Amino acid sequence: MKKVQITETVLRDANQSLMATRLPYADFEEILPEMDKAGYYSVECWGGATFDSCLRYLGEDPWERLRNIRRLMPNTKLQMLLRGQNLLGYKHYHDDVVEKFVELSIKNGIDILRIFDALNDFRNIKTALEATKKYGGKNTVASGCISYTQSPVHTVEKYVEMCKELKTMGFDTICLKDMAGTMSPYEAEHLIKGIKDAVGDMPLILHTHCTTGMAYMTVTKAIESGIDVIDCATSCFSNGTSQPATETMFYALQQYGIKTGLNEDVINKVNDFFKPVKQKYVDSGRINAKSMATDAQALVYKVPGGMLSNMIANLTDMKAMDKFEAALAEIPAVRKDLGYPPLVTPLSQMVGNQAVTNVLLGQRYKQVSKEVKNYFKGEYGIAPAPVSKELETQILGEGGKPVDCRIEDAKRTGEDFKKAKEALGDLARSEEDIMSYICYPDQTMKFLTDRKAKEENICKYSIVEA
């Protein structure tokens, strides 16, 4: 009997897409033991924007969050999304930092590392792959991920060649990451069949979003074409900019006689638990109606769910939601100027923020972000297609050319760790604290300072009570 397994995304990408990753651990802790009985292929619970959000908005230690999930879900594979050389930040890190981050991720509970590069520049995922193989056990999975998009330079043939390269590199599985939900059923069929012919029985995973309304059709065609694993979200946190519904896909697959390994009673209990959680954030306005809607215009904008929810949150904070449609319309133009990068973190944020800046200032590239400047300098890798010569000249000067800035220097020197330890002093109690600071120095410094002050206050209170 054919089998298609399901990854549950509610703890990471589903809430990242619908509510900009603002779901605190306390809101889902109670349901974790039940989720552990569901029979998921994996639960995606870490990586992506969770690390940043924990430190910046939720007042949580992301490492402690992971350890707690691991403790309460001992029988389920925990999965994270890792941006290769970018880790979870917005710049490339030295190889020794990448290696240590992977080591600590596995040590704290991660079983599956889904590793990608925003530009599909596979030099930027090599170190993370090698570290996964070095520190992971026999059940640790390195999943090579392709950032899927459409453009004049992205073709089925090119994607098939990419998958061959991922297999040659030594990845255990391959994931097609359709972050904007723009993959059509037609494209899914031709792409997946082509990849399956090229890589044989290597497990193939599809990650897509419901943003454009095509996800269910695309996933169904992918299943017919040989996909092995699909990403879904418990139904109350599904659809809109999120993933297809777990229970819905389970029901459909069951009628086709396709096994999923899921326990129907458990997945229904999981959804019942999350219904009031979601409603709380709908009532508070944290989940915006736009994030829950279908917008076929995303087929033009190529905007992923997390990027859309962040744009909405940022424009709402700036009281500039009246500029939302204009900012969306500016995104394809900025993307073309940058050589058609796939819109996935950090490129999605860079393109989206630049589009918003262009619209708010009323003039294109009157102000160019530091990240976009670094992109043109070559610090993120090789652009898929030629960039705008006019913008390149504005940033690099007449005759200026990007340099291939893939970080090769200072390998395993420990310089980043030394500086971080000196900066934190006695605030750092673990390698995880130091790693958090390397990734997000300002947010980590504030978090660790607050943690120390809170503990000192508790100590003073205890002494007075005694």
Protein backbone atom coordinates (compact mmCIF):
# COMPACT_ATOMS: atom_id res chain seq x y z
CA MET A 1 0.00 0.00 0.00
CA LYS A 2 1.25 3.46 -0.93
CA LYS A 3 2.30 5.70 1.98
CA VAL A 4 2.51 9.49 2.17
CA GLN A 5 3.63 10.93 5.51
CA ILE A 6 2.78 14.32 7.00
CA THR A 7 4.88 16.93 8.78
CA GLU A 8 2.87 19.10 11.19
CA THR A 9 3.83 22.80 11.01
CA VAL A 10 1.63 24.51 13.64
CA LEU A 11 4.54 25.04 16.04
CA ARG A 12 6.63 26.86 13.42
CA ASP A 13 5.62 27.80 9.90
CA ALA A 14 1.85 27.81 10.35
CA ASN A 15 1.97 30.38 13.13
CA GLN A 16 4.89 32.17 11.45
CA SER A 17 2.74 32.61 8.36
CA LEU A 18 -0.50 33.61 10.09
CA MET A 19 0.74 35.63 13.06
CA ALA A 20 4.40 36.50 12.42
CA THR A 21 5.74 33.78 14.78
CA ARG A 22 4.23 35.26 17.93
CA LEU A 23 3.00 31.99 19.45
CA PRO A 24 4.50 31.62 22.94
CA TYR A 25 5.49 28.25 24.36
CA ALA A 26 2.92 28.53 27.14
CA ASP A 27 0.12 28.48 24.57
CA PHE A 28 0.93 24.99 23.32
CA GLU A 29 2.85 23.25 26.12
CA GLU A 30 -0.22 21.36 27.34
CA ILE A 31 -0.92 19.65 24.00
CA LEU A 32 2.63 18.43 23.30
CA PRO A 33 2.26 14.98 24.97
CA GLU A 34 -0.85 14.37 22.87
CA MET A 35 0.86 15.52 19.67
CA ASP A 36 3.59 13.00 20.45
CA LYS A 37 1.04 10.21 19.85
CA ALA A 38 -0.17 11.49 16.47
CA GLY A 39 2.21 9.56 14.21
CA TYR A 40 3.52 12.55 12.27
CA TYR A 41 6.55 12.09 10.03
CA SER A 42 7.91 15.05 12.00
CA VAL A 43 6.82 18.19 13.84
CA GLU A 44 8.43 21.37 12.57
CA CYS A 45 8.94 23.35 15.75
CA TRP A 46 12.13 25.42 15.48
CA GLY A 47 14.29 27.44 13.15
CA GLY A 48 12.97 29.95 10.67
CA ALA A 49 11.89 33.04 12.58
CA THR A 50 11.22 31.28 15.90
CA PHE A 51 14.68 32.07 17.26
CA ASP A 52 14.39 35.79 16.53
CA SER A 53 10.80 35.96 17.75
CA CYS A 54 11.55 34.21 21.05
CA LEU A 55 14.27 36.72 21.93
CA ARG A 56 12.76 39.84 20.41
CA TYR A 57 9.05 39.53 21.21
CA LEU A 58 8.25 36.59 23.48
CA GLY A 59 10.90 36.90 26.20
CA GLU A 60 11.81 33.23 25.78
CA ASP A 61 15.09 31.40 25.50
CA PRO A 62 14.79 29.59 22.13
CA TRP A 63 17.09 26.80 23.33
CA GLU A 64 15.00 26.20 26.44
CA ARG A 65 11.88 26.18 24.27
CA LEU A 66 13.41 23.44 22.12
CA ARG A 67 14.51 21.40 25.14
CA ASN A 68 11.02 21.60 26.62
CA ILE A 69 9.41 20.43 23.38
CA ARG A 70 11.90 17.57 23.20
CA ARG A 71 11.13 16.56 26.79
CA LEU A 72 7.39 16.40 26.15
CA MET A 73 7.66 14.81 22.69
CA PRO A 74 10.25 12.06 23.09
CA ASN A 75 8.81 9.83 20.34
CA THR A 76 8.42 12.33 17.51
CA LYS A 77 11.08 13.61 15.14
CA LEU A 78 11.59 17.34 15.75
CA GLN A 79 12.41 19.39 12.68
CA MET A 80 13.96 22.78 12.13
CA LEU A 81 14.49 25.10 9.18
CA LEU A 82 18.10 26.24 8.80
CA ARG A 83 19.24 28.90 6.34
CA GLY A 84 22.59 27.29 5.66
CA GLN A 85 25.42 29.76 6.09
CA ASN A 86 22.80 32.31 7.24
CA LEU A 87 21.77 30.08 10.17
CA LEU A 88 18.71 31.94 11.52
CA GLY A 89 19.98 35.48 11.05
CA TYR A 90 20.31 37.88 8.17
CA LYS A 91 23.97 37.55 7.26
CA HIS A 92 26.45 34.77 6.55
CA TYR A 93 28.48 33.36 9.44
CA HIS A 94 31.90 31.77 9.54
CA ASP A 95 32.10 28.01 9.14
CA ASP A 96 33.03 27.39 12.78
CA VAL A 97 29.89 29.24 13.91
CA VAL A 98 27.69 27.26 11.53
CA GLU A 99 29.22 23.98 12.71
CA LYS A 100 28.72 24.85 16.38
CA PHE A 101 25.14 25.95 15.81
CA VAL A 102 24.31 22.63 14.16
CA GLU A 103 26.01 20.73 16.97
CA LEU A 104 23.98 22.58 19.61
CA SER A 105 20.73 22.21 17.66
CA ILE A 106 21.15 18.44 17.56
CA LYS A 107 22.29 18.32 21.20
CA ASN A 108 19.18 20.22 22.31
CA GLY A 109 16.74 17.97 20.48
CA ILE A 110 16.60 18.46 16.70
CA ASP A 111 16.30 15.31 14.57
CA ILE A 112 15.73 16.74 11.09
CA LEU A 113 17.59 19.76 9.73
CA ARG A 114 15.96 21.16 6.61
CA ILE A 115 18.81 23.16 5.12
CA PHE A 116 18.43 25.72 2.35
CA ASP A 117 20.06 28.77 0.79
CA ALA A 118 17.91 31.67 -0.32
CA LEU A 119 19.72 31.87 -3.68
CA ASN A 120 20.04 28.09 -4.12
CA ASP A 121 23.79 28.65 -3.97
CA PHE A 122 24.69 25.23 -2.61
CA ARG A 123 28.15 26.28 -1.44
CA ASN A 124 26.22 27.97 1.36
CA ILE A 125 24.69 24.72 2.66
CA LYS A 126 27.77 22.51 2.49
CA THR A 127 29.12 23.33 5.98
CA ALA A 128 25.72 22.78 7.64
CA LEU A 129 25.39 19.43 5.87
CA GLU A 130 28.86 18.31 6.96
CA ALA A 131 28.15 19.37 10.56
CA THR A 132 24.85 17.45 10.56
CA LYS A 133 26.64 14.31 9.45
CA LYS A 134 29.41 14.90 12.02
CA TYR A 135 27.23 15.50 15.09
CA GLY A 136 24.03 13.67 14.21
CA GLY A 137 23.29 10.05 15.02
CA LYS A 138 22.05 7.39 12.63
CA ASN A 139 18.49 8.74 12.91
CA THR A 140 19.41 12.39 12.30
CA VAL A 141 18.22 13.55 8.88
CA ALA A 142 19.89 16.15 6.66
CA SER A 143 17.22 17.40 4.26
CA GLY A 144 18.47 19.42 1.31
CA CYS A 145 16.02 22.12 0.38
CA ILE A 146 15.40 23.95 -2.88
CA SER A 147 13.83 27.41 -2.73
CA TYR A 148 11.19 27.12 -5.45
CA THR A 149 10.15 30.08 -7.53
CA GLN A 150 9.27 31.00 -11.09
CA SER A 151 11.23 33.42 -13.25
CA PRO A 152 12.80 33.54 -16.72
CA VAL A 153 15.83 31.67 -15.31
CA HIS A 154 14.10 29.03 -13.16
CA THR A 155 13.12 25.95 -15.18
CA VAL A 156 12.19 22.31 -14.52
CA GLU A 157 15.51 21.27 -16.03
CA LYS A 158 17.41 23.56 -13.68
CA TYR A 159 15.58 22.24 -10.63
CA VAL A 160 16.21 18.63 -11.64
CA GLU A 161 19.93 19.38 -11.91
CA MET A 162 19.82 20.99 -8.46
CA CYS A 163 18.28 17.83 -7.00
CA LYS A 164 20.97 15.69 -8.58
CA GLU A 165 23.54 17.94 -6.93
CA LEU A 166 21.85 17.63 -3.52
CA LYS A 167 21.92 13.86 -3.81
CA THR A 168 25.59 13.90 -4.81
CA MET A 169 26.37 16.15 -1.82
CA GLY A 170 25.04 13.47 0.52
CA PHE A 171 21.66 14.74 1.73
CA ASP A 172 19.21 12.13 3.03
CA THR A 173 16.04 13.70 1.63
CA ILE A 174 15.11 16.55 -0.72
CA CYS A 175 12.47 19.19 0.00
CA LEU A 176 10.84 21.46 -2.56
CA LYS A 177 10.10 24.64 -0.63
CA ASP A 178 7.29 26.54 -2.39
CA MET A 179 7.23 29.35 0.14
CA ALA A 180 4.82 31.59 -1.80
CA GLY A 181 2.38 28.85 -2.78
CA THR A 182 2.82 29.60 -6.48
CA MET A 183 3.59 26.06 -7.69
CA SER A 184 0.73 24.93 -9.94
CA PRO A 185 -0.53 21.33 -10.24
CA TYR A 186 0.94 21.22 -13.75
CA GLU A 187 4.34 22.37 -12.50
CA ALA A 188 4.22 19.94 -9.57
CA GLU A 189 3.55 16.98 -11.86
CA HIS A 190 6.36 17.73 -14.32
CA LEU A 191 8.82 18.77 -11.64
CA ILE A 192 8.28 15.83 -9.29
CA LYS A 193 8.28 13.23 -12.03
CA GLY A 194 11.48 14.72 -13.42
CA ILE A 195 13.13 14.73 -10.01
CA LYS A 196 12.01 11.19 -9.20
CA ASP A 197 13.49 9.98 -12.49
CA ALA A 198 16.76 11.72 -11.62
CA VAL A 199 17.21 10.74 -7.94
CA GLY A 200 15.46 7.38 -7.77
CA ASP A 201 13.97 6.34 -4.44
CA MET A 202 15.45 9.26 -2.47
CA PRO A 203 12.55 10.63 -0.32
CA LEU A 204 11.02 13.80 -1.77
CA ILE A 205 9.09 16.34 0.34
CA LEU A 206 6.76 19.15 -0.72
CA HIS A 207 6.32 22.29 1.33
CA THR A 208 3.77 24.76 -0.01
CA HIS A 209 1.34 27.43 1.18
CA CYS A 210 -2.36 28.12 0.52
CA THR A 211 -1.73 31.80 -0.23
CA THR A 212 -2.81 31.62 -3.89
CA GLY A 213 -5.51 28.96 -3.45
CA MET A 214 -3.62 26.28 -5.41
CA ALA A 215 -2.06 24.27 -2.57
CA TYR A 216 -4.63 21.46 -2.31
CA MET A 217 -4.63 20.89 -6.07
CA THR A 218 -0.85 21.04 -6.17
CA VAL A 219 -0.38 18.66 -3.23
CA THR A 220 -2.87 16.19 -4.73
CA LYS A 221 -1.04 16.20 -8.06
CA ALA A 222 2.28 15.87 -6.19
CA ILE A 223 0.96 12.77 -4.42
CA GLU A 224 -0.10 11.28 -7.76
CA SER A 225 3.39 12.07 -9.10
CA GLY A 226 5.27 10.30 -6.31
CA ILE A 227 5.84 12.73 -3.42
CA ASP A 228 6.74 10.99 -0.14
CA VAL A 229 6.07 13.63 2.54
CA ILE A 230 3.84 16.74 2.61
CA ASP A 231 3.81 19.65 5.06
CA CYS A 232 0.42 20.38 6.65
CA ALA A 233 -0.99 22.42 9.54
CA THR A 234 -3.69 21.45 12.01
CA SER A 235 -6.82 22.78 10.36
CA CYS A 236 -7.60 25.80 12.54
CA PHE A 237 -4.08 27.09 11.77
CA SER A 238 -4.20 26.10 8.09
CA ASN A 239 -5.09 27.85 4.82
CA GLY A 240 -4.58 31.52 4.06
CA THR A 241 -0.84 32.07 4.07
CA SER A 242 -0.34 28.81 5.98
CA GLN A 243 -0.24 25.17 4.80
CA PRO A 244 -3.06 22.78 3.78
CA ALA A 245 -5.01 21.23 6.65
CA THR A 246 -3.63 18.07 8.26
CA GLU A 247 -7.03 16.48 8.93
CA THR A 248 -8.32 17.30 5.43
CA MET A 249 -5.35 15.69 3.72
CA PHE A 250 -5.58 12.70 6.08
CA TYR A 251 -9.24 12.22 5.13
CA ALA A 252 -8.58 12.51 1.39
CA LEU A 253 -5.58 10.19 1.46
CA GLN A 254 -7.50 7.64 3.51
CA GLN A 255 -10.20 7.44 0.81
CA TYR A 256 -7.54 6.76 -1.79
CA GLY A 257 -6.20 3.93 0.36
CA ILE A 258 -2.95 5.82 1.01
CA LYS A 259 -1.47 5.30 4.47
CA THR A 260 -0.25 8.30 6.48
CA GLY A 261 0.52 6.68 9.82
CA LEU A 262 -1.62 9.30 11.58
CA ASN A 263 -3.99 8.62 14.47
CA GLU A 264 -7.28 10.30 13.54
CA ASP A 265 -8.48 10.76 17.14
CA VAL A 266 -5.22 12.42 18.16
CA ILE A 267 -5.02 14.87 15.25
CA ASN A 268 -8.62 15.93 15.96
CA LYS A 269 -7.73 16.51 19.62
CA VAL A 270 -4.75 18.60 18.52
CA ASN A 271 -7.00 20.78 16.39
CA ASP A 272 -9.61 21.14 19.14
CA PHE A 273 -6.85 22.36 21.46
CA PHE A 274 -5.61 25.01 19.05
CA LYS A 275 -9.05 26.42 18.14
CA PRO A 276 -9.35 28.74 21.17
CA VAL A 277 -5.65 29.61 20.87
CA LYS A 278 -6.20 30.86 17.36
CA GLN A 279 -9.40 32.67 18.29
CA LYS A 280 -7.56 34.56 21.01
CA TYR A 281 -5.17 36.00 18.43
CA VAL A 282 -7.92 36.71 15.92
CA ASP A 283 -9.79 38.67 18.61
CA SER A 284 -6.66 40.59 19.60
CA GLY A 285 -5.87 41.47 15.98
CA ARG A 286 -2.58 39.58 16.01
CA ILE A 287 -3.93 37.37 13.23
CA ASN A 288 -4.94 39.76 10.47
CA ALA A 289 -7.80 38.85 8.13
CA LYS A 290 -5.47 39.32 5.15
CA SER A 291 -3.29 36.45 6.40
CA MET A 292 -6.29 34.12 6.45
CA ALA A 293 -7.49 35.02 2.97
CA THR A 294 -6.69 33.69 -0.49
CA ASP A 295 -5.02 36.14 -2.86
CA ALA A 296 -4.35 34.95 -6.40
CA GLN A 297 -2.29 38.10 -6.97
CA ALA A 298 0.46 36.34 -5.03
CA LEU A 299 1.00 34.43 -8.29
CA VAL A 300 2.38 37.73 -9.55
CA TYR A 301 4.05 38.98 -6.36
CA LYS A 302 5.55 35.56 -5.34
CA VAL A 303 5.18 36.62 -1.69
CA PRO A 304 5.62 33.86 0.95
CA GLY A 305 3.29 33.63 3.93
CA GLY A 306 5.78 34.69 6.59
CA MET A 307 6.82 37.69 4.51
CA LEU A 308 3.20 38.72 4.01
CA SER A 309 2.31 38.52 7.71
CA ASN A 310 5.44 40.50 8.60
CA MET A 311 4.64 43.19 6.01
CA ILE A 312 1.14 43.49 7.43
CA ALA A 313 2.46 43.67 11.01
CA ASN A 314 5.11 46.27 10.15
CA LEU A 315 2.81 48.48 8.07
CA THR A 316 0.15 48.28 10.79
CA ASP A 317 2.71 49.37 13.41
CA MET A 318 3.72 52.28 11.16
CA LYS A 319 0.04 53.15 10.57
CA ALA A 320 0.69 52.79 6.85
CA MET A 321 -1.58 49.89 5.83
CA ASP A 322 -2.97 52.17 3.11
CA LYS A 323 0.36 51.56 1.30
CA PHE A 324 0.00 47.75 1.42
CA GLU A 325 -1.23 47.22 -2.16
CA ALA A 326 1.35 49.62 -3.60
CA ALA A 327 4.12 47.87 -1.68
CA LEU A 328 2.96 44.48 -3.00
CA ALA A 329 2.98 45.81 -6.55
CA GLU A 330 6.54 47.10 -6.09
CA ILE A 331 7.91 43.71 -5.00
CA PRO A 332 8.18 42.10 -8.50
CA ALA A 333 10.08 45.16 -9.77
CA VAL A 334 12.57 45.06 -6.89
CA ARG A 335 12.96 41.30 -7.34
CA LYS A 336 13.78 41.77 -11.03
CA ASP A 337 16.35 44.45 -10.15
CA LEU A 338 18.02 41.95 -7.79
CA GLY A 339 18.27 39.22 -10.44
CA TYR A 340 15.12 37.22 -9.58
CA PRO A 341 16.11 35.78 -6.18
CA PRO A 342 13.58 33.35 -4.67
CA LEU A 343 11.55 35.24 -2.09
CA VAL A 344 12.55 33.33 1.01
CA THR A 345 14.26 34.52 4.21
CA PRO A 346 16.44 36.56 4.25
CA LEU A 347 15.90 37.62 0.61
CA SER A 348 12.14 37.95 1.08
CA GLN A 349 12.62 40.42 3.93
CA MET A 350 15.26 42.33 1.98
CA VAL A 351 13.10 42.63 -1.14
CA GLY A 352 9.92 43.31 0.86
CA ASN A 353 11.49 45.97 3.07
CA GLN A 354 13.07 47.69 0.06
CA ALA A 355 9.72 47.67 -1.74
CA VAL A 356 8.02 49.21 1.30
CA THR A 357 10.79 51.85 1.58
CA ASN A 358 10.46 52.74 -2.11
CA VAL A 359 6.70 53.24 -1.71
CA LEU A 360 6.83 55.12 1.60
CA LEU A 361 9.50 57.54 0.34
CA GLY A 362 7.79 57.98 -3.01
CA GLN A 363 11.02 57.40 -4.91
CA ARG A 364 12.65 54.12 -5.91
CA TYR A 365 15.97 53.45 -4.17
CA LYS A 366 16.18 56.91 -2.61
CA GLN A 367 17.25 54.92 0.42
CA VAL A 368 18.83 51.47 -0.01
CA SER A 369 19.06 49.10 2.93
CA LYS A 370 22.40 47.84 4.21
CA GLU A 371 21.33 44.27 3.41
CA VAL A 372 20.53 45.09 -0.22
CA LYS A 373 23.87 46.86 -0.54
CA ASN A 374 25.62 43.78 0.85
CA TYR A 375 23.68 41.61 -1.59
CA PHE A 376 25.04 43.64 -4.49
CA LYS A 377 28.52 43.35 -3.03
CA GLY A 378 28.16 39.57 -3.27
CA GLU A 379 27.89 38.74 0.43
CA TYR A 380 24.88 36.44 0.03
CA GLY A 381 26.10 34.43 -2.94
CA ILE A 382 25.52 34.44 -6.67
CA ALA A 383 22.32 36.04 -8.01
CA PRO A 384 20.27 33.71 -10.25
CA ALA A 385 20.18 36.27 -13.08
CA PRO A 386 21.90 39.58 -13.98
CA VAL A 387 21.03 42.43 -11.62
CA SER A 388 19.99 45.97 -12.53
CA LYS A 389 23.08 47.74 -13.87
CA GLU A 390 21.70 51.12 -12.81
CA LEU A 391 21.19 50.00 -9.21
CA GLU A 392 24.53 48.18 -9.20
CA THR A 393 26.27 51.40 -10.25
CA GLN A 394 24.38 53.38 -7.60
CA ILE A 395 25.55 50.96 -4.89
CA LEU A 396 29.03 49.94 -6.08
CA GLY A 397 30.06 53.00 -8.09
CA GLU A 398 30.93 53.29 -11.76
CA GLY A 399 32.57 50.07 -12.94
CA GLY A 400 32.09 48.42 -9.56
CA LYS A 401 31.57 44.68 -9.57
CA PRO A 402 30.40 42.27 -6.86
CA VAL A 403 33.04 40.13 -5.20
CA ASP A 404 32.37 36.46 -4.42
CA CYS A 405 32.20 36.95 -0.67
CA ARG A 406 31.43 33.41 0.46
CA ILE A 407 33.06 33.46 3.89
CA GLU A 408 36.20 31.34 3.74
CA ASP A 409 38.44 33.26 6.11
CA ALA A 410 38.72 32.78 9.88
CA LYS A 411 37.56 29.18 9.69
CA ARG A 412 37.41 27.58 13.13
CA THR A 413 39.43 30.35 14.70
CA GLY A 414 36.91 30.86 17.49
CA GLU A 415 37.12 34.62 17.03
CA ASP A 416 33.35 35.11 17.02
CA PHE A 417 32.97 33.05 20.21
CA LYS A 418 35.78 34.91 21.95
CA LYS A 419 34.22 38.30 21.22
CA ALA A 420 30.78 37.10 22.29
CA LYS A 421 32.05 35.72 25.60
CA GLU A 422 33.86 38.99 26.35
CA ALA A 423 30.74 41.02 25.53
CA LEU A 424 28.42 38.92 27.69
CA GLY A 425 30.66 38.38 30.69
CA ASP A 426 28.79 36.65 33.51
CA LEU A 427 25.48 36.95 31.64
CA ALA A 428 26.46 33.90 29.59
CA ARG A 429 25.94 30.59 31.35
CA SER A 430 26.19 28.24 28.41
CA GLU A 431 27.40 27.77 24.86
CA GLU A 432 23.78 28.30 23.82
CA ASP A 433 23.75 31.80 25.36
CA ILE A 434 26.91 32.66 23.46
CA MET A 435 25.48 31.31 20.21
CA SER A 436 22.31 33.34 20.68
CA TYR A 437 24.43 36.47 21.07
CA ILE A 438 26.41 35.72 17.90
CA CYS A 439 23.15 35.41 15.96
CA TYR A 440 21.22 38.27 17.60
CA PRO A 441 23.52 40.39 19.77
CA ASP A 442 21.15 43.21 20.75
CA GLN A 443 18.14 40.98 21.43
CA THR A 444 20.21 38.43 23.35
CA MET A 445 21.93 41.06 25.48
CA LYS A 446 18.54 42.46 26.48
CA PHE A 447 17.10 39.00 27.12
CA LEU A 448 20.01 37.84 29.29
CA THR A 449 20.11 41.14 31.19
CA ASP A 450 16.39 40.87 31.91
CA ARG A 451 16.83 37.24 32.94
CA LYS A 452 19.51 38.15 35.45
CA ALA A 453 17.50 41.05 36.86
CA LYS A 454 14.41 38.87 37.20
CA GLU A 455 16.33 36.19 39.06
CA GLU A 456 17.93 38.74 41.39
CA ASN A 457 14.51 40.15 42.20
CA ILE A 458 13.15 36.69 42.95
CA CYS A 459 16.14 36.06 45.21
CA LYS A 460 15.57 39.33 47.08
CA TYR A 461 11.88 38.53 47.46
CA SER A 462 12.68 35.08 48.83
CA ILE A 463 15.09 36.51 51.39
CA VAL A 464 12.52 39.05 52.58
CA GLU A 465 9.83 36.34 52.84
CA ALA A 466 12.17 34.11 54.82
